[in-house]
C-alpha atoms as a PDB file:
ATOM      1  CA  MET A   1     -92.848 -55.443 -86.769  1.00  0.00           C
ATOM      2  CA  THR A   2     -90.518 -57.916 -87.681  1.00  0.00           C
ATOM      3  CA  SER A   3     -89.645 -59.422 -91.629  1.00  0.00           C
ATOM      4  CA  GLN A   4     -87.174 -62.558 -93.090  1.00  0.00           C
ATOM      5  CA  GLY A   5     -85.519 -62.247 -89.989  1.00  0.00           C
ATOM      6  CA  ALA A   6     -85.131 -58.657 -89.331  1.00  0.00           C
ATOM      7  CA  THR A   7     -86.706 -56.780 -87.008  1.00  0.00           C
ATOM      8  CA  ILE A   8     -88.113 -53.068 -89.046  1.00  0.00           C
ATOM      9  CA  HIS A   9     -88.671 -50.318 -87.447  1.00  0.00           C
ATOM     10  CA  TYR A  10     -91.213 -47.409 -89.075  1.00  0.00           C
ATOM     11  CA  GLN A  11     -92.876 -43.934 -88.575  1.00  0.00           C
ATOM     12  CA  THR A  12     -96.479 -42.900 -89.846  1.00  0.00           C
ATOM     13  CA  TRP A  13     -97.989 -39.716 -89.315  1.00  0.00           C
ATOM     14  CA  GLY A  14    -101.402 -38.609 -90.039  1.00  0.00           C
ATOM     15  CA  SER A  15    -104.079 -41.105 -91.589  1.00  0.00           C
ATOM     16  CA  GLY A  16    -105.074 -39.864 -95.020  1.00  0.00           C
ATOM     17  CA  PHE A  17    -103.791 -42.001 -97.767  1.00  0.00           C
ATOM     18  CA  PRO A  18    -100.573 -43.669 -97.639  1.00  0.00           C
ATOM     19  CA  ILE A  19     -97.359 -42.652 -98.879  1.00  0.00           C
ATOM     20  CA  ILE A  20     -94.131 -44.481 -98.012  1.00  0.00           C
ATOM     21  CA  PHE A  21     -90.871 -42.883 -98.552  1.00  0.00           C
ATOM     22  CA  ILE A  22     -87.721 -44.687 -99.628  1.00  0.00           C
ATOM     23  CA  HIS A  23     -84.310 -43.463 -98.656  1.00  0.00           C
ATOM     24  CA  PRO A  24     -81.496 -43.708-100.168  1.00  0.00           C
ATOM     25  CA  PRO A  25     -78.963 -46.186 -99.147  1.00  0.00           C
ATOM     26  CA  SER A  26     -77.253 -45.987 -95.236  1.00  0.00           C
ATOM     27  CA  MET A  27     -79.070 -42.530 -95.052  1.00  0.00           C
ATOM     28  CA  GLY A  28     -82.469 -44.056 -93.202  1.00  0.00           C
ATOM     29  CA  ALA A  29     -86.276 -42.352 -92.325  1.00  0.00           C
ATOM     30  CA  ALA A  30     -84.423 -39.968 -91.008  1.00  0.00           C
ATOM     31  CA  THR A  31     -84.324 -38.385 -94.723  1.00  0.00           C
ATOM     32  CA  PHE A  32     -88.116 -37.484 -95.121  1.00  0.00           C
ATOM     33  CA  MET A  33     -88.190 -35.198 -91.370  1.00  0.00           C
ATOM     34  CA  GLU A  34     -89.651 -32.708 -93.861  1.00  0.00           C
ATOM     35  CA  GLN A  35     -92.062 -34.364 -95.531  1.00  0.00           C
ATOM     36  CA  LYS A  36     -93.764 -34.820 -92.345  1.00  0.00           C
ATOM     37  CA  GLU A  37     -95.688 -31.961 -93.736  1.00  0.00           C
ATOM     38  CA  LEU A  38     -97.335 -33.605 -95.643  1.00  0.00           C
ATOM     39  CA  SER A  39     -99.291 -35.651 -93.062  1.00  0.00           C
ATOM     40  CA  ASP A  40    -101.994 -32.927 -92.685  1.00  0.00           C
ATOM     41  CA  GLU A  41    -103.644 -35.302 -95.544  1.00  0.00           C
ATOM     42  CA  PHE A  42    -102.264 -38.427 -96.202  1.00  0.00           C
ATOM     43  CA  GLN A  43    -100.770 -41.027 -94.351  1.00  0.00           C
ATOM     44  CA  VAL A  44     -96.696 -40.683 -94.100  1.00  0.00           C
ATOM     45  CA  ILE A  45     -94.599 -43.068 -94.321  1.00  0.00           C
ATOM     46  CA  CYS A  46     -91.273 -43.873 -92.840  1.00  0.00           C
ATOM     47  CA  MET A  47     -89.771 -47.187 -92.257  1.00  0.00           C
ATOM     48  CA  ASP A  48     -86.019 -47.377 -91.383  1.00  0.00           C
ATOM     49  CA  ALA A  49     -83.766 -50.756 -93.961  1.00  0.00           C
ATOM     50  CA  ARG A  50     -83.024 -53.501 -92.526  1.00  0.00           C
ATOM     51  CA  GLY A  51     -79.425 -51.973 -90.248  1.00  0.00           C
ATOM     52  CA  HIS A  52     -80.187 -48.929 -90.765  1.00  0.00           C
ATOM     53  CA  ARG A  53     -80.886 -46.749 -87.542  1.00  0.00           C
ATOM     54  CA  LEU A  54     -83.156 -48.790 -85.614  1.00  0.00           C
ATOM     55  CA  SER A  55     -83.915 -51.777 -87.281  1.00  0.00           C
ATOM     56  CA  SER A  56     -81.877 -54.511 -86.781  1.00  0.00           C
ATOM     57  CA  ASN A  57     -79.785 -56.398 -89.182  1.00  0.00           C
ATOM     58  CA  GLY A  58     -80.913 -59.571 -90.330  1.00  0.00           C
ATOM     59  CA  LYS A  59     -78.310 -61.715 -91.546  1.00  0.00           C
ATOM     60  CA  GLY A  60     -76.178 -59.288 -91.881  1.00  0.00           C
ATOM     61  CA  THR A  61     -76.346 -58.065 -96.112  1.00  0.00           C
ATOM     62  CA  LEU A  62     -79.233 -56.930 -98.000  1.00  0.00           C
ATOM     63  CA  THR A  63     -80.710 -56.521-101.546  1.00  0.00           C
ATOM     64  CA  ILE A  64     -83.039 -54.509-102.848  1.00  0.00           C
ATOM     65  CA  GLN A  65     -85.077 -57.013-103.649  1.00  0.00           C
ATOM     66  CA  GLU A  66     -85.318 -57.819 -99.964  1.00  0.00           C
ATOM     67  CA  TRP A  67     -85.752 -54.906 -98.869  1.00  0.00           C
ATOM     68  CA  ALA A  68     -88.839 -55.004-101.609  1.00  0.00           C
ATOM     69  CA  VAL A  69     -89.946 -58.071 -99.644  1.00  0.00           C
ATOM     70  CA  ASP A  70     -89.579 -55.651 -95.603  1.00  0.00           C
ATOM     71  CA  ILE A  71     -91.636 -53.739 -97.189  1.00  0.00           C
ATOM     72  CA  TYR A  72     -94.396 -55.275 -98.682  1.00  0.00           C
ATOM     73  CA  HIS A  73     -94.856 -56.665 -95.026  1.00  0.00           C
ATOM     74  CA  LEU A  74     -94.984 -52.564 -93.656  1.00  0.00           C
ATOM     75  CA  VAL A  75     -97.950 -52.755 -96.028  1.00  0.00           C
ATOM     76  CA  GLU A  76     -99.411 -56.050 -94.571  1.00  0.00           C
ATOM     77  CA  GLU A  77     -98.546 -55.022 -90.369  1.00  0.00           C
ATOM     78  CA  LEU A  78    -100.411 -51.707 -91.749  1.00  0.00           C
ATOM     79  CA  ASN A  79    -103.254 -53.748 -93.373  1.00  0.00           C
ATOM     80  CA  GLN A  80    -103.249 -50.944 -96.628  1.00  0.00           C
ATOM     81  CA  GLU A  81    -104.813 -51.817 -99.460  1.00  0.00           C
ATOM     82  CA  LYS A  82    -102.885 -49.463-101.535  1.00  0.00           C
ATOM     83  CA  VAL A  83    -100.170 -46.900-101.185  1.00  0.00           C
ATOM     84  CA  ILE A  84     -98.277 -44.283-103.070  1.00  0.00           C
ATOM     85  CA  LEU A  85     -94.067 -45.422-103.110  1.00  0.00           C
ATOM     86  CA  ALA A  86     -91.188 -42.161-103.205  1.00  0.00           C
ATOM     87  CA  GLY A  87     -88.157 -43.065-103.725  1.00  0.00           C
ATOM     88  CA  TYR A  88     -85.599 -41.075-103.591  1.00  0.00           C
ATOM     89  CA  SER A  89     -81.826 -42.175-105.674  1.00  0.00           C
ATOM     90  CA  SER A  90     -81.525 -46.204-104.850  1.00  0.00           C
ATOM     91  CA  GLY A  91     -85.020 -46.389-102.850  1.00  0.00           C
ATOM     92  CA  GLY A  92     -86.558 -45.847-106.683  1.00  0.00           C
ATOM     93  CA  SER A  93     -84.958 -48.927-107.230  1.00  0.00           C
ATOM     94  CA  VAL A  94     -87.295 -50.625-104.078  1.00  0.00           C
ATOM     95  CA  ALA A  95     -90.100 -48.368-105.228  1.00  0.00           C
ATOM     96  CA  LEU A  96     -89.701 -49.933-108.684  1.00  0.00           C
ATOM     97  CA  GLU A  97     -89.130 -53.457-107.851  1.00  0.00           C
ATOM     98  CA  PHE A  98     -91.728 -53.583-104.938  1.00  0.00           C
ATOM     99  CA  ALA A  99     -94.635 -51.800-107.699  1.00  0.00           C
ATOM    100  CA  LEU A 100     -93.971 -54.490-110.629  1.00  0.00           C
ATOM    101  CA  ARG A 101     -94.042 -57.161-107.353  1.00  0.00           C
ATOM    102  CA  TRP A 102     -97.224 -56.675-106.782  1.00  0.00           C
ATOM    103  CA  PRO A 103     -98.759 -53.946-108.445  1.00  0.00           C
ATOM    104  CA  GLU A 104    -101.689 -54.912-107.375  1.00  0.00           C
ATOM    105  CA  ARG A 105    -101.063 -52.913-104.045  1.00  0.00           C
ATOM    106  CA  THR A 106     -99.014 -49.875-105.672  1.00  0.00           C
ATOM    107  CA  ALA A 107    -101.433 -46.806-106.648  1.00  0.00           C
ATOM    108  CA  GLY A 108     -98.258 -44.750-107.976  1.00  0.00           C
ATOM    109  CA  ILE A 109     -94.462 -44.343-107.886  1.00  0.00           C
ATOM    110  CA  ILE A 110     -92.571 -41.094-107.189  1.00  0.00           C
ATOM    111  CA  LEU A 111     -88.905 -41.688-108.425  1.00  0.00           C
ATOM    112  CA  THR A 112     -86.888 -38.486-106.940  1.00  0.00           C
ATOM    113  CA  GLY A 113     -83.370 -38.370-109.106  1.00  0.00           C
ATOM    114  CA  GLY A 114     -83.946 -42.327-109.765  1.00  0.00           C
ATOM    115  CA  PHE A 115     -82.981 -44.994-112.155  1.00  0.00           C
ATOM    116  CA  PRO A 116     -84.542 -48.704-113.511  1.00  0.00           C
ATOM    117  CA  GLU A 117     -80.265 -49.187-113.419  1.00  0.00           C
ATOM    118  CA  VAL A 118     -77.234 -48.204-113.593  1.00  0.00           C
ATOM    119  CA  CYS A 119     -75.577 -48.082-117.077  1.00  0.00           C
ATOM    120  CA  SER A 120     -73.908 -44.474-117.543  1.00  0.00           C
ATOM    121  CA  THR A 121     -70.626 -44.023-115.647  1.00  0.00           C
ATOM    122  CA  LEU A 122     -71.230 -40.964-113.464  1.00  0.00           C
ATOM    123  CA  LEU A 123     -73.803 -43.243-111.529  1.00  0.00           C
ATOM    124  CA  LYS A 124     -71.197 -45.845-111.185  1.00  0.00           C
ATOM    125  CA  LYS A 125     -68.789 -44.372-110.007  1.00  0.00           C
ATOM    126  CA  GLU A 126     -71.049 -42.923-107.553  1.00  0.00           C
ATOM    127  CA  PHE A 127     -72.368 -46.849-106.505  1.00  0.00           C
ATOM    128  CA  GLU A 128     -68.163 -47.297-106.102  1.00  0.00           C
ATOM    129  CA  ILE A 129     -67.514 -45.136-104.280  1.00  0.00           C
ATOM    130  CA  GLY A 130     -69.959 -46.016-101.493  1.00  0.00           C
ATOM    131  CA  ILE A 131     -69.022 -49.131-101.900  1.00  0.00           C
ATOM    132  CA  TRP A 132     -64.680 -48.061-100.678  1.00  0.00           C
ATOM    133  CA  PHE A 133     -66.379 -46.270 -97.747  1.00  0.00           C
ATOM    134  CA  ALA A 134     -68.162 -48.901 -96.609  1.00  0.00           C
ATOM    135  CA  GLU A 135     -64.887 -51.603 -97.627  1.00  0.00           C
ATOM    136  CA  ASN A 136     -63.077 -49.450 -95.529  1.00  0.00           C
ATOM    137  CA  ASN A 137     -64.911 -48.469 -92.652  1.00  0.00           C
ATOM    138  CA  HIS A 138     -65.053 -44.857 -93.084  1.00  0.00           C
ATOM    139  CA  THR A 139     -68.526 -44.585 -92.526  1.00  0.00           C
ATOM    140  CA  THR A 140     -67.878 -41.698 -90.039  1.00  0.00           C
ATOM    141  CA  TRP A 141     -66.908 -39.717 -93.300  1.00  0.00           C
ATOM    142  CA  LEU A 142     -70.048 -40.538 -95.535  1.00  0.00           C
ATOM    143  CA  ALA A 143     -72.003 -39.308 -92.392  1.00  0.00           C
ATOM    144  CA  HIS A 144     -70.415 -36.235 -92.023  1.00  0.00           C
ATOM    145  CA  ILE A 145     -70.585 -36.170 -96.382  1.00  0.00           C
ATOM    146  CA  LEU A 146     -74.111 -37.058 -96.550  1.00  0.00           C
ATOM    147  CA  SER A 147     -74.977 -34.965 -93.446  1.00  0.00           C
ATOM    148  CA  PHE A 148     -74.091 -31.763 -94.281  1.00  0.00           C
ATOM    149  CA  SER A 149     -74.896 -32.413 -98.946  1.00  0.00           C
ATOM    150  CA  ASN A 150     -78.679 -33.274 -97.957  1.00  0.00           C
ATOM    151  CA  SER A 151     -79.660 -30.885 -95.258  1.00  0.00           C
ATOM    152  CA  ARG A 152     -79.340 -27.359 -94.316  1.00  0.00           C
ATOM    153  CA  ARG A 153     -80.764 -27.605 -90.781  1.00  0.00           C
ATOM    154  CA  ARG A 154     -79.107 -28.865 -87.954  1.00  0.00           C
ATOM    155  CA  GLU A 155     -81.528 -31.093 -86.793  1.00  0.00           C
ATOM    156  CA  HIS A 156     -81.861 -32.653 -89.892  1.00  0.00           C
ATOM    157  CA  ARG A 157     -77.900 -33.056 -90.314  1.00  0.00           C
ATOM    158  CA  LYS A 158     -77.703 -34.888 -86.694  1.00  0.00           C
ATOM    159  CA  ALA A 159     -80.339 -36.907 -87.655  1.00  0.00           C
ATOM    160  CA  ILE A 160     -79.049 -38.242 -91.059  1.00  0.00           C
ATOM    161  CA  ALA A 161     -75.311 -38.783 -90.125  1.00  0.00           C
ATOM    162  CA  GLN A 162     -76.585 -40.563 -86.644  1.00  0.00           C
ATOM    163  CA  THR A 163     -77.966 -43.662 -88.897  1.00  0.00           C
ATOM    164  CA  VAL A 164     -75.209 -43.424 -91.452  1.00  0.00           C
ATOM    165  CA  SER A 165     -72.376 -43.591 -89.259  1.00  0.00           C
ATOM    166  CA  THR A 166     -74.170 -46.562 -87.095  1.00  0.00           C
ATOM    167  CA  ILE A 167     -74.456 -48.317 -90.196  1.00  0.00           C
ATOM    168  CA  ARG A 168     -72.657 -52.474 -90.471  1.00  0.00           C
ATOM    169  CA  PRO A 169     -69.263 -51.712 -93.169  1.00  0.00           C
ATOM    170  CA  ARG A 170     -70.605 -55.065 -94.514  1.00  0.00           C
ATOM    171  CA  LEU A 171     -74.647 -54.181 -94.417  1.00  0.00           C
ATOM    172  CA  LEU A 172     -74.235 -51.026 -96.301  1.00  0.00           C
ATOM    173  CA  GLN A 173     -71.892 -52.481 -98.816  1.00  0.00           C
ATOM    174  CA  SER A 174     -73.815 -55.478-100.015  1.00  0.00           C
ATOM    175  CA  LEU A 175     -76.611 -52.493 -99.874  1.00  0.00           C
ATOM    176  CA  TYR A 176     -74.589 -50.435-103.169  1.00  0.00           C
ATOM    177  CA  GLU A 177     -73.089 -53.679-104.842  1.00  0.00           C
ATOM    178  CA  SER A 178     -76.919 -54.607-104.754  1.00  0.00           C
ATOM    179  CA  GLY A 179     -78.896 -51.394-106.512  1.00  0.00           C
ATOM    180  CA  MET A 180     -75.387 -50.539-108.938  1.00  0.00           C
ATOM    181  CA  THR A 181     -76.069 -54.286-110.344  1.00  0.00           C
ATOM    182  CA  TYR A 182     -79.810 -54.219-109.634  1.00  0.00           C
ATOM    183  CA  SER A 183     -81.903 -53.924-113.329  1.00  0.00           C
ATOM    184  CA  CYS A 184     -85.486 -53.952-113.690  1.00  0.00           C
ATOM    185  CA  THR A 185     -85.574 -51.893-116.981  1.00  0.00           C
ATOM    186  CA  ASN A 186     -86.795 -54.924-119.591  1.00  0.00           C
ATOM    187  CA  ARG A 187     -89.594 -55.233-116.902  1.00  0.00           C
ATOM    188  CA  LEU A 188     -91.068 -51.867-117.061  1.00  0.00           C
ATOM    189  CA  SER A 189     -93.391 -52.676-119.705  1.00  0.00           C
ATOM    190  CA  GLU A 190     -95.953 -54.281-117.289  1.00  0.00           C
ATOM    191  CA  LEU A 191     -96.062 -51.169-115.408  1.00  0.00           C
ATOM    192  CA  LYS A 192     -99.573 -49.283-115.458  1.00  0.00           C
ATOM    193  CA  VAL A 193    -100.044 -46.911-112.090  1.00  0.00           C
ATOM    194  CA  PRO A 194     -98.784 -43.459-112.560  1.00  0.00           C
ATOM    195  CA  LEU A 195     -95.347 -42.298-112.904  1.00  0.00           C
ATOM    196  CA  LEU A 196     -93.818 -39.665-111.608  1.00  0.00           C
ATOM    197  CA  LEU A 197     -90.096 -38.679-112.621  1.00  0.00           C
ATOM    198  CA  ILE A 198     -88.733 -35.690-110.135  1.00  0.00           C
ATOM    199  CA  TYR A 199     -85.510 -34.535-110.845  1.00  0.00           C
ATOM    200  CA  GLY A 200     -82.904 -31.693-109.911  1.00  0.00           C
ATOM    201  CA  THR A 201     -82.120 -29.096-112.994  1.00  0.00           C
ATOM    202  CA  ARG A 202     -78.808 -29.232-111.398  1.00  0.00           C
ATOM    203  CA  ASP A 203     -78.602 -33.893-111.995  1.00  0.00           C
ATOM    204  CA  TRP A 204     -77.957 -33.515-115.191  1.00  0.00           C
ATOM    205  CA  TYR A 205     -75.772 -36.964-115.496  1.00  0.00           C
ATOM    206  CA  VAL A 206     -79.605 -38.832-113.740  1.00  0.00           C
ATOM    207  CA  HIS A 207     -81.561 -37.035-116.403  1.00  0.00           C
ATOM    208  CA  TYR A 208     -81.032 -39.506-118.646  1.00  0.00           C
ATOM    209  CA  TYR A 209     -82.629 -41.889-116.974  1.00  0.00           C
ATOM    210  CA  GLN A 210     -85.851 -40.377-117.858  1.00  0.00           C
ATOM    211  CA  TYR A 211     -85.622 -41.761-121.558  1.00  0.00           C
ATOM    212  CA  LEU A 212     -85.136 -45.806-120.608  1.00  0.00           C
ATOM    213  CA  PHE A 213     -88.399 -44.506-118.505  1.00  0.00           C
ATOM    214  CA  TYR A 214     -90.318 -43.070-121.925  1.00  0.00           C
ATOM    215  CA  LYS A 215     -88.534 -45.694-124.097  1.00  0.00           C
ATOM    216  CA  TYR A 216     -90.051 -49.030-122.053  1.00  0.00           C
ATOM    217  CA  ALA A 217     -92.470 -47.922-118.943  1.00  0.00           C
ATOM    218  CA  VAL A 218     -95.363 -47.888-122.306  1.00  0.00           C
ATOM    219  CA  HIS A 219     -98.198 -48.230-120.293  1.00  0.00           C
ATOM    220  CA  ALA A 220     -97.538 -46.035-116.931  1.00  0.00           C
ATOM    221  CA  PRO A 221     -99.238 -42.144-117.671  1.00  0.00           C
ATOM    222  CA  LYS A 222     -95.716 -40.360-116.797  1.00  0.00           C
ATOM    223  CA  GLU A 223     -94.869 -36.944-115.852  1.00  0.00           C
ATOM    224  CA  VAL A 224     -91.447 -35.570-115.568  1.00  0.00           C
ATOM    225  CA  ILE A 225     -90.935 -32.651-112.995  1.00  0.00           C
ATOM    226  CA  TYR A 226     -87.985 -30.882-112.797  1.00  0.00           C
ATOM    227  CA  VAL A 227     -87.024 -28.578-109.912  1.00  0.00           C
ATOM    228  CA  ASP A 228     -84.556 -25.104-109.689  1.00  0.00           C
ATOM    229  CA  SER A 229     -81.155 -24.978-108.046  1.00  0.00           C
ATOM    230  CA  VAL A 230     -80.877 -27.646-106.523  1.00  0.00           C
ATOM    231  CA  GLY A 231     -79.493 -31.074-107.550  1.00  0.00           C
ATOM    232  CA  HIS A 232     -79.778 -34.619-106.225  1.00  0.00           C
ATOM    233  CA  GLN A 233     -81.209 -33.788-103.072  1.00  0.00           C
ATOM    234  CA  VAL A 234     -84.825 -32.222-103.711  1.00  0.00           C
ATOM    235  CA  PRO A 235     -86.311 -34.355-100.969  1.00  0.00           C
ATOM    236  CA  THR A 236     -83.808 -32.249 -97.992  1.00  0.00           C
ATOM    237  CA  LEU A 237     -83.264 -29.006 -99.847  1.00  0.00           C
ATOM    238  CA  GLU A 238     -86.473 -28.589-101.304  1.00  0.00           C
ATOM    239  CA  ALA A 239     -88.916 -29.922 -99.578  1.00  0.00           C
ATOM    240  CA  HIS A 240     -91.396 -27.379 -99.856  1.00  0.00           C
ATOM    241  CA  THR A 241     -91.236 -27.236-103.725  1.00  0.00           C
ATOM    242  CA  TYR A 242     -90.887 -31.500-103.446  1.00  0.00           C
ATOM    243  CA  ASN A 243     -93.454 -31.586-100.370  1.00  0.00           C
ATOM    244  CA  ALA A 244     -96.533 -29.434-103.224  1.00  0.00           C
ATOM    245  CA  VAL A 245     -94.882 -32.059-105.886  1.00  0.00           C
ATOM    246  CA  VAL A 246     -96.248 -35.241-104.142  1.00  0.00           C
ATOM    247  CA  ARG A 247     -99.295 -33.476-102.685  1.00  0.00           C
ATOM    248  CA  ARG A 248    -100.463 -32.591-106.010  1.00  0.00           C
ATOM    249  CA  PHE A 249     -99.661 -36.535-107.554  1.00  0.00           C
ATOM    250  CA  ALA A 250    -100.985 -37.428-104.797  1.00  0.00           C
ATOM    251  CA  ARG A 251    -104.383 -36.150-104.880  1.00  0.00           C
ATOM    252  CA  ASP A 252    -104.140 -36.772-108.498  1.00  0.00           C
ATOM    253  CA  THR A 253    -103.403 -40.020-108.024  1.00  0.00           C
ATOM    254  CA  LEU A 254    -106.347 -40.735-104.977  1.00  0.00           C
ATOM    255  CA  SER A 255    -109.239 -39.565-107.067  1.00  0.00           C
ATOM    256  CA  HIS A 256    -107.791 -41.866-110.265  1.00  0.00           C
ATOM    257  CA  VAL A 257    -108.153 -45.029-107.379  1.00  0.00           C
ATOM    258  CA  LYS A 258    -111.820 -44.194-106.373  1.00  0.00           C
ATOM    259  CA  ASN A 259    -112.781 -43.834-109.526  1.00  0.00           C
ATOM    260  CA  MET A 260    -111.367 -47.155-110.564  1.00  0.00           C
END
């Protein structure tokens, strides 16, 4: 698929109602290796963002807004009327941007460790660390850190590390910078589709953001799920629980779409 001057790589499994999984910066579609099991009931769609793994760099930089446009072109490519968007970490910002720009194509939103803006000191520091790694071309170190913090399986760690280690530092820096400055808080009132917020119980410094969703996304049906014994890495370290929650939400969402 081509989008905005870039060649975008994606994979699909299954043939049911579509769920697009959106990875955090640098980790690529390999992030969602454990979500393939959902393809027994749904169409699982994983895309490498521009500059990640098998997708080309395009113009060499990437913003949250541009990433959302790439996903829109993917939805068009797959000829899907509506999709569920499942964003992990800063990938949730992409999901929100897509849903706000194309509500008619959005059936529901799943945010894991997600946030509508970066407004807390610790989260901002995480982005600044990511920018530092990119500025200093330390993607090999970053690959080691992210692969080991996100998986216990050797095969999964290797797949994540391969993506992180091959990303162009300038593109990664631009993506972290865009993620840190992105905000859609004042537009959340436009959301009307179901919104599922998933947090690890140990991801305490991100828990605050649920209150922004409850304060501003007043027209979206909302639910919060806490997953025990894990921090930020719910889709990778607690995949069985995460998949069960996503499956239930997707079933409920599909039922709602059919009854509209």
